[in-house]
Amino acid sequence: MAEQKAKLKFEQALSKLEEITGKLEEGNLSLEDSLKLFSEGIKLSEFCSSKLDEAKKKIEVLVKSSDGIFKTKKFDTGEE
């Protein structure tokens, strides 16, 4: 799975996570299969979360200062 995740894109991981969620919601799986899918879903969720965190750190906002000059600053989400 680690090698797979290195090549996996965010959109692919999210799509796979949605697929897993759908299968689990149907409730037609055995307990063993449900646990396997749940485990895979957790890993995909963590992968997506880390990709979003990376993206958030890269986002910069262009702002105009009081002297009329545009500068960049880190994007502030208001979260700590």
PDB file of N, CA and C in Angstrom:
ATOM      1  N   MET A   1       0.826  -1.203   0.000  1.00  0.00           N
ATOM      2  CA  MET A   1       0.000   0.000   0.000  1.00  0.00           C
ATOM      3  C   MET A   1       0.863   1.257   0.000  1.00  0.00           C
ATOM      4  N   ALA A   2       2.045   1.238   0.655  1.00  0.00           N
ATOM      5  CA  ALA A   2       2.908   2.415   0.710  1.00  0.00           C
ATOM      6  C   ALA A   2       3.370   2.811  -0.684  1.00  0.00           C
ATOM      7  N   GLU A   3       3.746   1.831  -1.499  1.00  0.00           N
ATOM      8  CA  GLU A   3       4.166   2.121  -2.871  1.00  0.00           C
ATOM      9  C   GLU A   3       2.986   2.640  -3.681  1.00  0.00           C
ATOM     10  N   GLN A   4       1.820   2.073  -3.436  1.00  0.00           N
ATOM     11  CA  GLN A   4       0.612   2.516  -4.128  1.00  0.00           C
ATOM     12  C   GLN A   4       0.294   3.960  -3.767  1.00  0.00           C
ATOM     13  N   LYS A   5       0.416   4.302  -2.475  1.00  0.00           N
ATOM     14  CA  LYS A   5       0.086   5.645  -2.027  1.00  0.00           C
ATOM     15  C   LYS A   5       1.032   6.675  -2.617  1.00  0.00           C
ATOM     16  N   ALA A   6       2.289   6.300  -2.874  1.00  0.00           N
ATOM     17  CA  ALA A   6       3.253   7.238  -3.448  1.00  0.00           C
ATOM     18  C   ALA A   6       2.810   7.682  -4.841  1.00  0.00           C
ATOM     19  N   LYS A   7       2.160   6.806  -5.574  1.00  0.00           N
ATOM     20  CA  LYS A   7       1.707   7.114  -6.928  1.00  0.00           C
ATOM     21  C   LYS A   7       0.268   7.636  -6.954  1.00  0.00           C
ATOM     22  N   LEU A   8      -0.424   7.520  -5.847  1.00  0.00           N
ATOM     23  CA  LEU A   8      -1.834   7.876  -5.762  1.00  0.00           C
ATOM     24  C   LEU A   8      -2.002   9.393  -5.724  1.00  0.00           C
ATOM     25  N   LYS A   9      -2.961   9.873  -6.467  1.00  0.00           N
ATOM     26  CA  LYS A   9      -3.291  11.290  -6.454  1.00  0.00           C
ATOM     27  C   LYS A   9      -4.467  11.498  -5.502  1.00  0.00           C
ATOM     28  N   PHE A  10      -4.595  12.732  -5.019  1.00  0.00           N
ATOM     29  CA  PHE A  10      -5.648  13.058  -4.068  1.00  0.00           C
ATOM     30  C   PHE A  10      -7.024  12.665  -4.604  1.00  0.00           C
ATOM     31  N   GLU A  11      -7.299  13.023  -5.844  1.00  0.00           N
ATOM     32  CA  GLU A  11      -8.616  12.761  -6.426  1.00  0.00           C
ATOM     33  C   GLU A  11      -8.903  11.265  -6.507  1.00  0.00           C
ATOM     34  N   GLN A  12      -7.866  10.481  -6.823  1.00  0.00           N
ATOM     35  CA  GLN A  12      -8.032   9.021  -6.889  1.00  0.00           C
ATOM     36  C   GLN A  12      -8.315   8.460  -5.501  1.00  0.00           C
ATOM     37  N   ALA A  13      -7.587   8.953  -4.513  1.00  0.00           N
ATOM     38  CA  ALA A  13      -7.774   8.478  -3.141  1.00  0.00           C
ATOM     39  C   ALA A  13      -9.170   8.828  -2.643  1.00  0.00           C
ATOM     40  N   LEU A  14      -9.612  10.036  -2.942  1.00  0.00           N
ATOM     41  CA  LEU A  14     -10.941  10.462  -2.511  1.00  0.00           C
ATOM     42  C   LEU A  14     -12.027   9.634  -3.184  1.00  0.00           C
ATOM     43  N   SER A  15     -11.849   9.348  -4.466  1.00  0.00           N
ATOM     44  CA  SER A  15     -12.806   8.522  -5.196  1.00  0.00           C
ATOM     45  C   SER A  15     -12.875   7.114  -4.598  1.00  0.00           C
ATOM     46  N   LYS A  16     -11.725   6.544  -4.310  1.00  0.00           N
ATOM     47  CA  LYS A  16     -11.675   5.203  -3.714  1.00  0.00           C
ATOM     48  C   LYS A  16     -12.317   5.216  -2.326  1.00  0.00           C
ATOM     49  N   LEU A  17     -12.080   6.285  -1.569  1.00  0.00           N
ATOM     50  CA  LEU A  17     -12.679   6.414  -0.240  1.00  0.00           C
ATOM     51  C   LEU A  17     -14.203   6.488  -0.334  1.00  0.00           C
ATOM     52  N   GLU A  18     -14.701   7.215  -1.316  1.00  0.00           N
ATOM     53  CA  GLU A  18     -16.154   7.294  -1.524  1.00  0.00           C
ATOM     54  C   GLU A  18     -16.722   5.931  -1.898  1.00  0.00           C
ATOM     55  N   GLU A  19     -15.987   5.196  -2.711  1.00  0.00           N
ATOM     56  CA  GLU A  19     -16.416   3.852  -3.106  1.00  0.00           C
ATOM     57  C   GLU A  19     -16.492   2.928  -1.892  1.00  0.00           C
ATOM     58  N   ILE A  20     -15.475   2.986  -1.052  1.00  0.00           N
ATOM     59  CA  ILE A  20     -15.439   2.163   0.159  1.00  0.00           C
ATOM     60  C   ILE A  20     -16.589   2.531   1.083  1.00  0.00           C
ATOM     61  N   THR A  21     -16.823   3.827   1.242  1.00  0.00           N
ATOM     62  CA  THR A  21     -17.914   4.289   2.097  1.00  0.00           C
ATOM     63  C   THR A  21     -19.255   3.748   1.606  1.00  0.00           C
ATOM     64  N   GLY A  22     -19.458   3.793   0.302  1.00  0.00           N
ATOM     65  CA  GLY A  22     -20.698   3.268  -0.274  1.00  0.00           C
ATOM     66  C   GLY A  22     -20.887   1.790   0.015  1.00  0.00           C
ATOM     67  N   LYS A  23     -19.817   1.024  -0.150  1.00  0.00           N
ATOM     68  CA  LYS A  23     -19.897  -0.417   0.116  1.00  0.00           C
ATOM     69  C   LYS A  23     -20.201  -0.694   1.581  1.00  0.00           C
ATOM     70  N   LEU A  24     -19.561   0.062   2.469  1.00  0.00           N
ATOM     71  CA  LEU A  24     -19.800  -0.141   3.901  1.00  0.00           C
ATOM     72  C   LEU A  24     -21.219   0.255   4.289  1.00  0.00           C
ATOM     73  N   GLU A  25     -21.738   1.309   3.676  1.00  0.00           N
ATOM     74  CA  GLU A  25     -23.093   1.761   3.981  1.00  0.00           C
ATOM     75  C   GLU A  25     -24.155   0.771   3.523  1.00  0.00           C
ATOM     76  N   GLU A  26     -23.854   0.021   2.451  1.00  0.00           N
ATOM     77  CA  GLU A  26     -24.810  -0.978   1.975  1.00  0.00           C
ATOM     78  C   GLU A  26     -25.049  -2.064   3.022  1.00  0.00           C
ATOM     79  N   GLY A  27     -24.010  -2.404   3.769  1.00  0.00           N
ATOM     80  CA  GLY A  27     -24.152  -3.377   4.850  1.00  0.00           C
ATOM     81  C   GLY A  27     -24.237  -4.818   4.395  1.00  0.00           C
ATOM     82  N   ASN A  28     -23.835  -5.122   3.174  1.00  0.00           N
ATOM     83  CA  ASN A  28     -23.942  -6.480   2.652  1.00  0.00           C
ATOM     84  C   ASN A  28     -22.655  -7.289   2.791  1.00  0.00           C
ATOM     85  N   LEU A  29     -21.661  -6.750   3.469  1.00  0.00           N
ATOM     86  CA  LEU A  29     -20.363  -7.407   3.575  1.00  0.00           C
ATOM     87  C   LEU A  29     -20.250  -8.204   4.869  1.00  0.00           C
ATOM     88  N   SER A  30     -19.366  -9.181   4.840  1.00  0.00           N
ATOM     89  CA  SER A  30     -19.081  -9.904   6.069  1.00  0.00           C
ATOM     90  C   SER A  30     -18.308  -8.986   7.009  1.00  0.00           C
ATOM     91  N   LEU A  31     -18.234  -9.378   8.252  1.00  0.00           N
ATOM     92  CA  LEU A  31     -17.506  -8.580   9.226  1.00  0.00           C
ATOM     93  C   LEU A  31     -16.042  -8.443   8.819  1.00  0.00           C
ATOM     94  N   GLU A  32     -15.450  -9.529   8.374  1.00  0.00           N
ATOM     95  CA  GLU A  32     -14.041  -9.518   7.970  1.00  0.00           C
ATOM     96  C   GLU A  32     -13.809  -8.562   6.796  1.00  0.00           C
ATOM     97  N   ASP A  33     -14.674  -8.637   5.784  1.00  0.00           N
ATOM     98  CA  ASP A  33     -14.550  -7.752   4.629  1.00  0.00           C
ATOM     99  C   ASP A  33     -14.785  -6.294   5.023  1.00  0.00           C
ATOM    100  N   SER A  34     -15.737  -6.073   5.904  1.00  0.00           N
ATOM    101  CA  SER A  34     -16.022  -4.722   6.379  1.00  0.00           C
ATOM    102  C   SER A  34     -14.810  -4.134   7.104  1.00  0.00           C
ATOM    103  N   LEU A  35     -14.176  -4.950   7.940  1.00  0.00           N
ATOM    104  CA  LEU A  35     -12.999  -4.480   8.669  1.00  0.00           C
ATOM    105  C   LEU A  35     -11.838  -4.163   7.737  1.00  0.00           C
ATOM    106  N   LYS A  36     -11.659  -4.987   6.702  1.00  0.00           N
ATOM    107  CA  LYS A  36     -10.597  -4.723   5.714  1.00  0.00           C
ATOM    108  C   LYS A  36     -10.850  -3.407   5.000  1.00  0.00           C
ATOM    109  N   LEU A  37     -12.093  -3.214   4.550  1.00  0.00           N
ATOM    110  CA  LEU A  37     -12.433  -1.978   3.853  1.00  0.00           C
ATOM    111  C   LEU A  37     -12.330  -0.770   4.782  1.00  0.00           C
ATOM    112  N   PHE A  38     -12.762  -0.950   6.023  1.00  0.00           N
ATOM    113  CA  PHE A  38     -12.682   0.140   6.988  1.00  0.00           C
ATOM    114  C   PHE A  38     -11.227   0.551   7.209  1.00  0.00           C
ATOM    115  N   SER A  39     -10.356  -0.422   7.347  1.00  0.00           N
ATOM    116  CA  SER A  39      -8.934  -0.160   7.544  1.00  0.00           C
ATOM    117  C   SER A  39      -8.346   0.579   6.339  1.00  0.00           C
ATOM    118  N   GLU A  40      -8.694   0.124   5.151  1.00  0.00           N
ATOM    119  CA  GLU A  40      -8.226   0.790   3.933  1.00  0.00           C
ATOM    120  C   GLU A  40      -8.769   2.217   3.867  1.00  0.00           C
ATOM    121  N   GLY A  41     -10.010   2.384   4.262  1.00  0.00           N
ATOM    122  CA  GLY A  41     -10.628   3.711   4.263  1.00  0.00           C
ATOM    123  C   GLY A  41      -9.939   4.668   5.220  1.00  0.00           C
ATOM    124  N   ILE A  42      -9.562   4.173   6.376  1.00  0.00           N
ATOM    125  CA  ILE A  42      -8.843   5.006   7.350  1.00  0.00           C
ATOM    126  C   ILE A  42      -7.520   5.467   6.759  1.00  0.00           C
ATOM    127  N   LYS A  43      -6.796   4.556   6.108  1.00  0.00           N
ATOM    128  CA  LYS A  43      -5.509   4.914   5.497  1.00  0.00           C
ATOM    129  C   LYS A  43      -5.700   5.948   4.393  1.00  0.00           C
ATOM    130  N   LEU A  44      -6.728   5.771   3.579  1.00  0.00           N
ATOM    131  CA  LEU A  44      -7.012   6.737   2.516  1.00  0.00           C
ATOM    132  C   LEU A  44      -7.416   8.093   3.091  1.00  0.00           C
ATOM    133  N   SER A  45      -8.181   8.068   4.158  1.00  0.00           N
ATOM    134  CA  SER A  45      -8.594   9.298   4.822  1.00  0.00           C
ATOM    135  C   SER A  45      -7.385  10.059   5.363  1.00  0.00           C
ATOM    136  N   GLU A  46      -6.459   9.335   5.972  1.00  0.00           N
ATOM    137  CA  GLU A  46      -5.240   9.962   6.486  1.00  0.00           C
ATOM    138  C   GLU A  46      -4.401  10.531   5.340  1.00  0.00           C
ATOM    139  N   PHE A  47      -4.318   9.798   4.232  1.00  0.00           N
ATOM    140  CA  PHE A  47      -3.585  10.262   3.052  1.00  0.00           C
ATOM    141  C   PHE A  47      -4.192  11.558   2.531  1.00  0.00           C
ATOM    142  N   CYS A  48      -5.514  11.580   2.375  1.00  0.00           N
ATOM    143  CA  CYS A  48      -6.196  12.776   1.870  1.00  0.00           C
ATOM    144  C   CYS A  48      -5.991  13.956   2.825  1.00  0.00           C
ATOM    145  N   SER A  49      -6.099  13.695   4.101  1.00  0.00           N
ATOM    146  CA  SER A  49      -5.916  14.744   5.095  1.00  0.00           C
ATOM    147  C   SER A  49      -4.510  15.335   5.030  1.00  0.00           C
ATOM    148  N   SER A  50      -3.509  14.480   4.864  1.00  0.00           N
ATOM    149  CA  SER A  50      -2.136  14.982   4.793  1.00  0.00           C
ATOM    150  C   SER A  50      -1.921  15.789   3.507  1.00  0.00           C
ATOM    151  N   LYS A  51      -2.533  15.351   2.403  1.00  0.00           N
ATOM    152  CA  LYS A  51      -2.426  16.102   1.149  1.00  0.00           C
ATOM    153  C   LYS A  51      -3.087  17.479   1.284  1.00  0.00           C
ATOM    154  N   LEU A  52      -4.228  17.544   1.959  1.00  0.00           N
ATOM    155  CA  LEU A  52      -4.895  18.829   2.172  1.00  0.00           C
ATOM    156  C   LEU A  52      -4.060  19.739   3.065  1.00  0.00           C
ATOM    157  N   ASP A  53      -3.437  19.166   4.091  1.00  0.00           N
ATOM    158  CA  ASP A  53      -2.564  19.955   4.960  1.00  0.00           C
ATOM    159  C   ASP A  53      -1.377  20.517   4.183  1.00  0.00           C
ATOM    160  N   GLU A  54      -0.785  19.688   3.313  1.00  0.00           N
ATOM    161  CA  GLU A  54       0.329  20.148   2.478  1.00  0.00           C
ATOM    162  C   GLU A  54      -0.113  21.308   1.588  1.00  0.00           C
ATOM    163  N   ALA A  55      -1.279  21.174   0.993  1.00  0.00           N
ATOM    164  CA  ALA A  55      -1.784  22.216   0.095  1.00  0.00           C
ATOM    165  C   ALA A  55      -2.047  23.511   0.862  1.00  0.00           C
ATOM    166  N   LYS A  56      -2.618  23.373   2.050  1.00  0.00           N
ATOM    167  CA  LYS A  56      -2.930  24.546   2.859  1.00  0.00           C
ATOM    168  C   LYS A  56      -1.652  25.308   3.208  1.00  0.00           C
ATOM    169  N   LYS A  57      -0.582  24.584   3.480  1.00  0.00           N
ATOM    170  CA  LYS A  57       0.691  25.221   3.818  1.00  0.00           C
ATOM    171  C   LYS A  57       1.289  25.964   2.626  1.00  0.00           C
ATOM    172  N   LYS A  58       0.958  25.516   1.419  1.00  0.00           N
ATOM    173  CA  LYS A  58       1.514  26.129   0.219  1.00  0.00           C
ATOM    174  C   LYS A  58       0.738  27.350  -0.256  1.00  0.00           C
ATOM    175  N   ILE A  59      -0.492  27.459   0.197  1.00  0.00           N
ATOM    176  CA  ILE A  59      -1.337  28.555  -0.279  1.00  0.00           C
ATOM    177  C   ILE A  59      -0.832  29.875   0.277  1.00  0.00           C
ATOM    178  N   GLU A  60      -0.695  30.818  -0.619  1.00  0.00           N
ATOM    179  CA  GLU A  60      -0.347  32.172  -0.225  1.00  0.00           C
ATOM    180  C   GLU A  60      -1.394  33.117  -0.796  1.00  0.00           C
ATOM    181  N   VAL A  61      -1.596  34.211  -0.100  1.00  0.00           N
ATOM    182  CA  VAL A  61      -2.593  35.187  -0.511  1.00  0.00           C
ATOM    183  C   VAL A  61      -1.872  36.469  -0.894  1.00  0.00           C
ATOM    184  N   LEU A  62      -2.274  37.034  -2.008  1.00  0.00           N
ATOM    185  CA  LEU A  62      -1.719  38.311  -2.442  1.00  0.00           C
ATOM    186  C   LEU A  62      -2.559  39.411  -1.818  1.00  0.00           C
ATOM    187  N   VAL A  63      -1.910  40.284  -1.044  1.00  0.00           N
ATOM    188  CA  VAL A  63      -2.630  41.354  -0.363  1.00  0.00           C
ATOM    189  C   VAL A  63      -1.994  42.696  -0.701  1.00  0.00           C
ATOM    190  N   LYS A  64      -2.802  43.721  -0.666  1.00  0.00           N
ATOM    191  CA  LYS A  64      -2.325  45.074  -0.932  1.00  0.00           C
ATOM    192  C   LYS A  64      -2.088  45.760   0.417  1.00  0.00           C
ATOM    193  N   SER A  65      -0.855  46.188   0.630  1.00  0.00           N
ATOM    194  CA  SER A  65      -0.527  46.843   1.892  1.00  0.00           C
ATOM    195  C   SER A  65      -1.030  48.285   1.878  1.00  0.00           C
ATOM    196  N   SER A  66      -0.904  48.944   3.021  1.00  0.00           N
ATOM    197  CA  SER A  66      -1.392  50.317   3.149  1.00  0.00           C
ATOM    198  C   SER A  66      -0.650  51.289   2.229  1.00  0.00           C
ATOM    199  N   ASP A  67       0.578  50.930   1.816  1.00  0.00           N
ATOM    200  CA  ASP A  67       1.330  51.800   0.907  1.00  0.00           C
ATOM    201  C   ASP A  67       1.043  51.487  -0.565  1.00  0.00           C
ATOM    202  N   GLY A  68       0.068  50.629  -0.818  1.00  0.00           N
ATOM    203  CA  GLY A  68      -0.358  50.326  -2.183  1.00  0.00           C
ATOM    204  C   GLY A  68       0.448  49.254  -2.887  1.00  0.00           C
ATOM    205  N   ILE A  69       1.369  48.633  -2.189  1.00  0.00           N
ATOM    206  CA  ILE A  69       2.200  47.590  -2.781  1.00  0.00           C
ATOM    207  C   ILE A  69       1.601  46.221  -2.473  1.00  0.00           C
ATOM    208  N   PHE A  70       1.569  45.381  -3.506  1.00  0.00           N
ATOM    209  CA  PHE A  70       1.069  44.023  -3.309  1.00  0.00           C
ATOM    210  C   PHE A  70       2.178  43.140  -2.754  1.00  0.00           C
ATOM    211  N   LYS A  71       1.851  42.376  -1.746  1.00  0.00           N
ATOM    212  CA  LYS A  71       2.795  41.456  -1.116  1.00  0.00           C
ATOM    213  C   LYS A  71       2.093  40.121  -0.907  1.00  0.00           C
ATOM    214  N   THR A  72       2.862  39.084  -0.726  1.00  0.00           N
ATOM    215  CA  THR A  72       2.260  37.786  -0.420  1.00  0.00           C
ATOM    216  C   THR A  72       2.402  37.500   1.063  1.00  0.00           C
ATOM    217  N   LYS A  73       1.443  36.774   1.567  1.00  0.00           N
ATOM    218  CA  LYS A  73       1.506  36.327   2.951  1.00  0.00           C
ATOM    219  C   LYS A  73       0.884  34.948   3.021  1.00  0.00           C
ATOM    220  N   LYS A  74       1.168  34.232   4.070  1.00  0.00           N
ATOM    221  CA  LYS A  74       0.596  32.906   4.272  1.00  0.00           C
ATOM    222  C   LYS A  74      -0.911  33.020   4.412  1.00  0.00           C
ATOM    223  N   PHE A  75      -1.591  32.033   3.894  1.00  0.00           N
ATOM    224  CA  PHE A  75      -3.050  31.975   3.995  1.00  0.00           C
ATOM    225  C   PHE A  75      -3.427  31.661   5.434  1.00  0.00           C
ATOM    226  N   ASP A  76      -4.257  32.491   6.038  1.00  0.00           N
ATOM    227  CA  ASP A  76      -4.674  32.299   7.418  1.00  0.00           C
ATOM    228  C   ASP A  76      -6.086  31.723   7.434  1.00  0.00           C
ATOM    229  N   THR A  77      -6.212  30.504   7.914  1.00  0.00           N
ATOM    230  CA  THR A  77      -7.517  29.877   7.973  1.00  0.00           C
ATOM    231  C   THR A  77      -8.261  30.202   9.254  1.00  0.00           C
ATOM    232  N   GLY A  78      -7.562  30.826  10.187  1.00  0.00           N
ATOM    233  CA  GLY A  78      -8.178  31.102  11.469  1.00  0.00           C
ATOM    234  C   GLY A  78      -8.078  29.940  12.432  1.00  0.00           C
ATOM    235  N   GLU A  79      -7.525  28.828  11.958  1.00  0.00           N
ATOM    236  CA  GLU A  79      -7.345  27.651  12.814  1.00  0.00           C
ATOM    237  C   GLU A  79      -5.984  27.721  13.477  1.00  0.00           C
ATOM    238  N   GLU A  80      -5.866  27.106  14.602  1.00  0.00           N
ATOM    239  CA  GLU A  80      -4.573  27.056  15.271  1.00  0.00           C
ATOM    240  C   GLU A  80      -4.036  25.661  15.305  1.00  0.00           C
TER     241      GLU A  80
END
